[in-house]
Each structure stands twice: as C-alpha cells, then as structure tokens.
C-alpha cells in the first residue's frame, strides 16, 4: 500500500508539473499535451522552441489536414497561454518524409497587451491558469482526461495515471509589392528529430534561415543650392565613396534623407534679412549618389521634407522612386519590401503632424499592428528628440527644443515594439544615442549625422556617427549586430573612424541610460545579447 500510494503521489506531482512546464514554454511538456490530444487520430507531435518561436511538426501515416489542425492548434495553444510565445511554425507531413507537406505561421500574442519583459528574460512568468482544451470532437477525449484529472486532483486528492503516448511506426531594383498581395510563406523550418531541445538564453536562428541584415544610418544632406550654392564638386560623385565598402553586405540599407530633391523655387520658410534660413534643396540628379552607395529605403519623415511645400515633398519621393529606391514617410503609409521570401515593412514617423506623429501612440500602434499582419519584420523609423551636441542622453520624458515638443522617445519606441515592431531606428538629435535591447528588439535612439555637406554642424559629438548593422531572425528577433564607427570631416563628409569614437560614446550612454538592457557592446562595436544563467 505504501509503495502504491507513493507512486500515485509522484504521478500526481508529475501531472501538475507537465501543465506548469507547458505554460512556461517547455517544448517537451507542450509535446506531451499535444500528443495526448492527437494520438487518438494517429498523429505524433514533435516540438522545438527557439526563443519566442515554437516549431511544431505533426506526423501521421498521411499528412494531417491543415484545414483542421491549424485551427485546432491555434485555439489549443491560445488556451494554454504559453509564456513569452509569439509565433508558431506549424508543419505537417507523413512518417518518413524529410520535407513537410505544408507549413503555416501562427501569431499568438499581441505584445501591446503583454507585461513588459524583464531585462533578462525568464520563462517562469505567471500566465493565466488555463489548461489546453482543443475544441474538436475527435481530440476532446484525450485533452479532457488532462483537464478532468487535474480538477479531480484539486477536489478529491486523487488522480488517474497519465497514459503514455504510443509512437506510430514510420513508412532590377524591386518595386514596392502591393499591400493587397498575400505575404509569401516563410521558409519551412527544418525540425530536428528529437522532440525536445532545451531553451537557450540567446535566440537561435531557424536552421534553414539566413538572418536578415539591415544597415542603417542617420541624417543625410548631400549639399544644397538654397539659399546659396553649397553643392559638392563633381555632383557629389566622391561624397560617399569612403562609405560604400561599409554599406555593402546588407539585405537592406536605410537612411534618413533630410533635404529635398526638387527644383521648386518657393521655400516654405520665411526669409528675413540678416538671419539664416534652414531650408535645404538638392538637385534631383543627386539621388543617384544614394543609389550608387547602396541604399534601398529612405525616410522622408523629418522637419525638412516640406521645406518647399507639398510640391517639394512630392518631387523628393518621385526622385527617390525613379532610381528604384523606396521612400517612407507619408502619413498613414506602410512601405513593404521583399527580401529572400521575407516581407519587411517600414513606417516613418516624426514629431510633426505632416507625417505619422510620435505624439499619437495609439495611432502609431495601430499602424504597426496593421503592418505586422502582412510583414515578417516591421521596422519603425522616427525623426524626433532634442537636437545638439549635448543631446546625447535619453530619458523617459518629453523632450523640447526651442519650446517645441519633440516627443518622449522611450515611451514611443517601447509602445511600437509592444505593438509588434522589430527594429526602431531613431534620428533627429544629430548625435548618437544609446542603443537598447527591449523585448529582444533593438531600439537605436539616434544614429546621428551621416553626411551633411556644408549644411550640418560637425562640432563635438555632431561629427561622431555610425552605421548600425543588425542581424535579425525571420520573426525580427535580434541575433547580433555591429556599430561601424564613422567620423565627419569639417565639411560634413563621412569617413571610417579608426578611433571608434561612436562605439566608446554609445558604450558610455548605454551604461548611463539603460544599464539593465541585456545588450553587450564590445570595444570593436560588436553587439551581442548578454547570456542569462
């Protein structure tokens, strides 16, 4: 009797632990629950977890019907409310197949409703006390056994043993894609045969997936012919030659274009005798310099995009698109780009009402959610914040510049990440700022000046710059990155900085502004995620 009772207690504890471990995201426990529900249909499940992505393979003598089991799995996993889970890659195949017959990507969580992740993610967070209950007649008996036995345990203190699962025997530059087109399926993940791999502290890219590499820079002005001629020689053909090698090797190169490409003569700003006018106008032909340097996407959401009214803004976008690049910055606009069967979305914001504004967090989150439905990775760009050589610090408060509300950059950036943004690229302060790793996503609070030929000051930190490289998994999770240090000459021409000034500056700023962020920056500018115990 004592041995039998002791065995029963162990079984009871084991069953409770299965639920707790599954809710905390352990793939072995999740697989046990799925197998209990689906084994009656002759289906065997294997589960692997990669950070906030779950890989589930369903196998049977014939491929499981996706029309049935996609719905079954979605509802069941949502009921289980697995901690820190965002996406599920669900595949189906016959026993013995090496390649899945079908593959679906399920998005389960809305990060805007999730509690903030701690600086060092833990999988032991509390989640709602639901048990997996897949609403399908053919599998309800198996899952009902689990729910019923746990209920019985709580009411009477006794429970029936969990039945083991019996394994089955095997036998030209791109144009913007229209928003109405369906998003291409992600590459099918190559699930290993083992049903369980322990979760790692660092995100691991999917086995068959090459990371998406994005390089980003800050403010770009190639010279101006208004109000006087301050254009570079040879139409700027040598302006970015020193940077071209460092912009190579990326799937997407992004920058903030802070001038206009237009010939329109009437400025939007009033000219007063003896006072400087900060309005920039660059000949449209100079757009080829950005194409030649390797850029793909340019933000036009900034405080100089309307220097020559709506006409100048429209001319700028038209010039950028004419050479095959993409412009982002129109109000309520999302720009999509395809990279190796992945859809990347870009949304541009500024502190002005001409564009999507950083002041309206709800509308910003709605735009991000809209993009997240169609895109695998969502990139948010903003032009905001206090300006100047001393504007390197980032605080969780509203910033003002000459009395103008320039936004709360921390509140905005975290809000869009909570809504689904995977990379946030800031510019506007004209100096580098800290880089935060928040919920596994990079927030670069300011990328500084990249090029400003005889237009932008390069004094002090205004002449310290960078190219930010981020390598992202297919769901936007940060994998690794690099700060490529850049310095601007007195004329605003960029060159590689062998003294690594921007690396040292951002290291200091991260310690001051985001000391708990799990991002490591080494002396060479390499960005890695700090491993957790």
Foldseek 3Di string as FASTA:
>chain_A
DVVVVVVQVVLLVVLVVLLLVVQLPFLVSVQQLVLLQCVLVQWHWFWEDFQQEIEIEIEGQAWPDCVPVVLQVLQQVLQSNRPSHFKYWYFTGYFPDQDTPDIDIDGRDQLLPDDFAFQQHDSNDDDDPGHGQRPDVSRRVSSVLSVVQNVCCVVPVGGDGRDDRDHDDGPQQDDFPDPPDAQFDDPRARDDPHRGDDYFSAGDFGPVDFWAKEKEFEEDDQFAPPPHGQHDPPLSLCQCVQPLVVQPDHLAYEYEYQAFADPQDDFPDDDDPPDDDQAGYGHLVSLVSVVVSPHAEYELAEPHCCRPHPVRNVRRQVSNVVSNHHYAWAALDWTWDDDPSFIEIEHEEFCDPRTNYLVDLVVLLVSLLSVVVRGLAYEYEYAFAEADLPRAAADQDFHDYPRHTRHRQVVSVVSNVSSQHLEYEYAHRQAFYAWFQTSQHIHGNHFHAAFDFQNFAQPHRSQKGWIKMFTAHSNNGTAKIFTQTWGADRRRRIHGDPVRVVLVVNVVRCCVHPVSNQWDQDPRGIIHGHGDD
